Amino acid sequence: PQQNLPKTVLGGYVVSNDFFNDAIRREENKHTNDPLHRRPTNSLRSWLKKNRISYSFANVGTSGMNGEKRLEFLPNPRNELIE
């Protein structure tokens, strides 16, 4: 049986800059074709809105052992998990 992400992950988080638009569109199209037009209460879109942490790499002034600039991994500070 096919499982959707919210049931599989069980409250975890995903660190990604991907907005998962294709997966969300597939899920929504699957429910649009449902004759009763039932929308899941815990859809992939709503799960990702709460559980996806975007990130960037930034030069924050650190350098490596040979003096090369290092990019640091920075999670999105606006995410409620980071605040």
N, C-alpha and C. Protein backbone atom coordinates (compact mmCIF):
# COMPACT_ATOMS: atom_id res chain seq x y z
N PRO A 1 0.82 -1.21 0.00
CA PRO A 1 0.00 0.00 0.00
C PRO A 1 0.86 1.26 0.00
N GLN A 2 0.38 2.26 -0.69
CA GLN A 2 1.13 3.52 -0.79
C GLN A 2 0.95 4.32 0.50
N GLN A 3 2.06 4.84 1.04
CA GLN A 3 2.01 5.63 2.26
C GLN A 3 2.33 7.07 1.92
N ASN A 4 1.70 8.01 2.63
CA ASN A 4 2.06 9.40 2.39
C ASN A 4 3.07 9.83 3.44
N LEU A 5 3.73 10.94 3.20
CA LEU A 5 4.83 11.39 4.04
C LEU A 5 4.46 11.63 5.49
N PRO A 6 3.36 12.31 5.80
CA PRO A 6 3.08 12.57 7.21
C PRO A 6 2.96 11.31 8.07
N LYS A 7 2.34 10.25 7.55
CA LYS A 7 2.23 9.02 8.33
C LYS A 7 3.57 8.32 8.46
N THR A 8 4.39 8.43 7.43
CA THR A 8 5.68 7.76 7.43
C THR A 8 6.66 8.43 8.39
N VAL A 9 6.71 9.74 8.39
CA VAL A 9 7.70 10.47 9.17
C VAL A 9 7.29 10.62 10.63
N LEU A 10 6.01 10.64 10.91
CA LEU A 10 5.50 10.69 12.27
C LEU A 10 6.02 11.89 13.06
N GLY A 11 5.85 13.06 12.54
CA GLY A 11 6.19 14.26 13.29
C GLY A 11 7.61 14.73 13.17
N GLY A 12 8.40 14.15 12.29
CA GLY A 12 9.78 14.58 12.12
C GLY A 12 9.87 15.86 11.31
N TYR A 13 11.07 16.21 10.93
CA TYR A 13 11.32 17.40 10.13
C TYR A 13 12.12 17.00 8.91
N VAL A 14 12.01 17.80 7.87
CA VAL A 14 12.83 17.61 6.67
C VAL A 14 13.58 18.92 6.44
N VAL A 15 14.90 18.82 6.22
CA VAL A 15 15.72 19.99 5.94
C VAL A 15 15.93 20.00 4.44
N SER A 16 15.29 20.95 3.77
CA SER A 16 15.34 20.98 2.32
C SER A 16 14.95 22.35 1.79
N ASN A 17 15.53 22.72 0.66
CA ASN A 17 15.11 23.92 -0.03
C ASN A 17 14.10 23.59 -1.12
N ASP A 18 13.80 22.33 -1.27
CA ASP A 18 12.80 21.88 -2.24
C ASP A 18 11.42 22.20 -1.67
N PHE A 19 10.55 22.77 -2.50
CA PHE A 19 9.19 23.07 -2.06
C PHE A 19 8.25 21.89 -2.31
N PHE A 20 8.75 20.80 -2.91
CA PHE A 20 7.98 19.58 -3.15
C PHE A 20 6.71 19.86 -3.95
N ASN A 21 6.78 20.81 -4.88
CA ASN A 21 5.60 21.18 -5.66
C ASN A 21 5.04 20.01 -6.46
N ASP A 22 5.90 19.18 -7.06
CA ASP A 22 5.41 18.05 -7.84
C ASP A 22 4.67 17.05 -6.96
N ALA A 23 5.22 16.75 -5.79
CA ALA A 23 4.57 15.79 -4.89
C ALA A 23 3.24 16.33 -4.37
N ILE A 24 3.20 17.61 -4.05
CA ILE A 24 1.96 18.24 -3.58
C ILE A 24 0.92 18.22 -4.68
N ARG A 25 1.32 18.54 -5.89
CA ARG A 25 0.39 18.54 -7.02
C ARG A 25 -0.16 17.14 -7.27
N ARG A 26 0.70 16.11 -7.20
CA ARG A 26 0.22 14.73 -7.37
C ARG A 26 -0.80 14.38 -6.31
N GLU A 27 -0.49 14.73 -5.05
CA GLU A 27 -1.43 14.41 -3.96
C GLU A 27 -2.76 15.14 -4.16
N GLU A 28 -2.71 16.41 -4.51
CA GLU A 28 -3.94 17.18 -4.68
C GLU A 28 -4.73 16.69 -5.88
N ASN A 29 -4.06 16.31 -6.97
CA ASN A 29 -4.77 15.76 -8.13
C ASN A 29 -5.43 14.44 -7.80
N LYS A 30 -4.77 13.63 -6.98
CA LYS A 30 -5.35 12.35 -6.58
C LYS A 30 -6.66 12.59 -5.84
N HIS A 31 -6.71 13.60 -4.99
CA HIS A 31 -7.93 13.87 -4.23
C HIS A 31 -8.96 14.63 -5.06
N THR A 32 -8.52 15.38 -6.07
CA THR A 32 -9.46 16.06 -6.95
C THR A 32 -10.23 15.05 -7.78
N ASN A 33 -9.57 13.94 -8.15
CA ASN A 33 -10.23 12.90 -8.94
C ASN A 33 -11.14 12.03 -8.09
N ASP A 34 -11.10 12.19 -6.79
CA ASP A 34 -11.99 11.45 -5.89
C ASP A 34 -13.41 11.96 -6.08
N PRO A 35 -14.37 11.08 -6.33
CA PRO A 35 -15.74 11.55 -6.58
C PRO A 35 -16.35 12.31 -5.40
N LEU A 36 -15.88 12.09 -4.20
CA LEU A 36 -16.41 12.80 -3.03
C LEU A 36 -15.60 14.07 -2.72
N HIS A 37 -14.53 14.31 -3.47
CA HIS A 37 -13.65 15.48 -3.30
C HIS A 37 -13.22 15.68 -1.86
N ARG A 38 -12.86 14.60 -1.22
CA ARG A 38 -12.37 14.70 0.17
C ARG A 38 -10.92 15.15 0.16
N ARG A 39 -10.64 16.16 0.92
CA ARG A 39 -9.26 16.62 1.08
C ARG A 39 -8.76 16.10 2.41
N PRO A 40 -7.57 15.52 2.41
CA PRO A 40 -7.05 15.00 3.68
C PRO A 40 -6.78 16.13 4.67
N THR A 41 -7.06 15.86 5.92
CA THR A 41 -6.82 16.89 6.92
C THR A 41 -5.33 17.06 7.20
N ASN A 42 -4.55 16.00 7.03
CA ASN A 42 -3.10 16.16 7.21
C ASN A 42 -2.43 15.95 5.86
N SER A 43 -2.60 16.91 4.97
CA SER A 43 -2.05 16.84 3.63
C SER A 43 -0.54 17.07 3.65
N LEU A 44 0.08 16.68 2.55
CA LEU A 44 1.52 16.91 2.43
C LEU A 44 1.83 18.40 2.50
N ARG A 45 1.01 19.24 1.86
CA ARG A 45 1.22 20.69 1.88
C ARG A 45 1.23 21.22 3.32
N SER A 46 0.24 20.84 4.10
CA SER A 46 0.18 21.35 5.49
C SER A 46 1.31 20.77 6.34
N TRP A 47 1.68 19.51 6.10
CA TRP A 47 2.77 18.92 6.86
C TRP A 47 4.08 19.64 6.56
N LEU A 48 4.34 19.89 5.27
CA LEU A 48 5.57 20.58 4.89
C LEU A 48 5.62 22.01 5.41
N LYS A 49 4.47 22.66 5.46
CA LYS A 49 4.44 24.03 5.97
C LYS A 49 4.93 24.09 7.41
N LYS A 50 4.64 23.07 8.19
CA LYS A 50 5.05 23.03 9.60
C LYS A 50 6.40 22.36 9.81
N ASN A 51 6.79 21.44 8.91
CA ASN A 51 7.92 20.57 9.20
C ASN A 51 9.10 20.69 8.24
N ARG A 52 9.04 21.58 7.26
CA ARG A 52 10.17 21.76 6.34
C ARG A 52 11.02 22.93 6.83
N ILE A 53 12.30 22.68 6.98
CA ILE A 53 13.24 23.73 7.40
C ILE A 53 14.13 24.04 6.20
N SER A 54 14.01 25.25 5.68
CA SER A 54 14.89 25.64 4.58
C SER A 54 16.24 26.06 5.16
N TYR A 55 17.21 26.22 4.30
CA TYR A 55 18.56 26.53 4.76
C TYR A 55 19.33 27.28 3.69
N SER A 56 20.47 27.76 4.05
CA SER A 56 21.40 28.34 3.09
C SER A 56 22.82 28.10 3.58
N PHE A 57 23.77 28.35 2.72
CA PHE A 57 25.17 28.33 3.09
C PHE A 57 25.67 29.76 2.96
N ALA A 58 26.36 30.25 3.96
CA ALA A 58 26.78 31.65 3.95
C ALA A 58 28.21 31.79 4.45
N ASN A 59 28.88 32.81 3.95
CA ASN A 59 30.21 33.15 4.43
C ASN A 59 30.02 34.03 5.66
N VAL A 60 30.30 33.48 6.82
CA VAL A 60 30.13 34.24 8.07
C VAL A 60 31.49 34.63 8.67
N GLY A 61 32.49 34.66 7.80
CA GLY A 61 33.80 35.13 8.25
C GLY A 61 34.74 34.05 8.74
N THR A 62 34.38 32.78 8.60
CA THR A 62 35.29 31.72 9.04
C THR A 62 36.13 31.26 7.86
N SER A 63 37.27 30.71 8.17
CA SER A 63 38.15 30.19 7.12
C SER A 63 38.70 28.84 7.55
N GLY A 64 39.08 28.06 6.55
CA GLY A 64 39.62 26.74 6.80
C GLY A 64 41.07 26.80 7.25
N MET A 65 41.67 25.63 7.40
CA MET A 65 43.05 25.53 7.89
C MET A 65 44.05 26.18 6.93
N ASN A 66 43.73 26.20 5.64
CA ASN A 66 44.65 26.79 4.66
C ASN A 66 44.25 28.21 4.29
N GLY A 67 43.37 28.82 5.05
CA GLY A 67 42.96 30.19 4.80
C GLY A 67 41.83 30.36 3.82
N GLU A 68 41.32 29.23 3.27
CA GLU A 68 40.23 29.34 2.31
C GLU A 68 38.93 29.70 3.05
N LYS A 69 38.07 30.43 2.35
CA LYS A 69 36.79 30.80 2.95
C LYS A 69 35.91 29.56 3.11
N ARG A 70 35.24 29.49 4.23
CA ARG A 70 34.32 28.38 4.49
C ARG A 70 32.89 28.89 4.50
N LEU A 71 32.01 28.13 3.91
CA LEU A 71 30.59 28.44 3.96
C LEU A 71 29.97 27.63 5.07
N GLU A 72 29.22 28.30 5.91
CA GLU A 72 28.58 27.63 7.04
C GLU A 72 27.13 27.30 6.71
N PHE A 73 26.68 26.15 7.17
CA PHE A 73 25.30 25.72 7.02
C PHE A 73 24.44 26.52 8.01
N LEU A 74 23.43 27.22 7.49
CA LEU A 74 22.56 28.04 8.34
C LEU A 74 21.09 27.67 8.10
N PRO A 75 20.44 27.04 9.07
CA PRO A 75 19.01 26.78 8.92
C PRO A 75 18.24 28.10 8.96
N ASN A 76 17.08 28.10 8.35
CA ASN A 76 16.25 29.31 8.29
C ASN A 76 15.90 29.78 9.71
N PRO A 77 16.31 30.96 10.11
CA PRO A 77 16.03 31.43 11.47
C PRO A 77 14.55 31.72 11.71
N ARG A 78 13.75 31.80 10.65
CA ARG A 78 12.31 32.06 10.81
C ARG A 78 11.52 30.80 11.12
N ASN A 79 12.16 29.64 11.03
CA ASN A 79 11.47 28.39 11.35
C ASN A 79 11.23 28.32 12.85
N GLU A 80 10.04 27.88 13.24
CA GLU A 80 9.69 27.87 14.68
C GLU A 80 10.61 26.95 15.48
N LEU A 81 11.17 25.93 14.88
CA LEU A 81 12.09 25.04 15.59
C LEU A 81 13.40 25.76 15.92
N ILE A 82 13.79 26.70 15.07
CA ILE A 82 15.06 27.43 15.23
C ILE A 82 14.90 28.62 16.16
N GLU A 83 13.73 29.24 16.15
CA GLU A 83 13.53 30.49 16.94
C GLU A 83 13.78 30.31 18.39
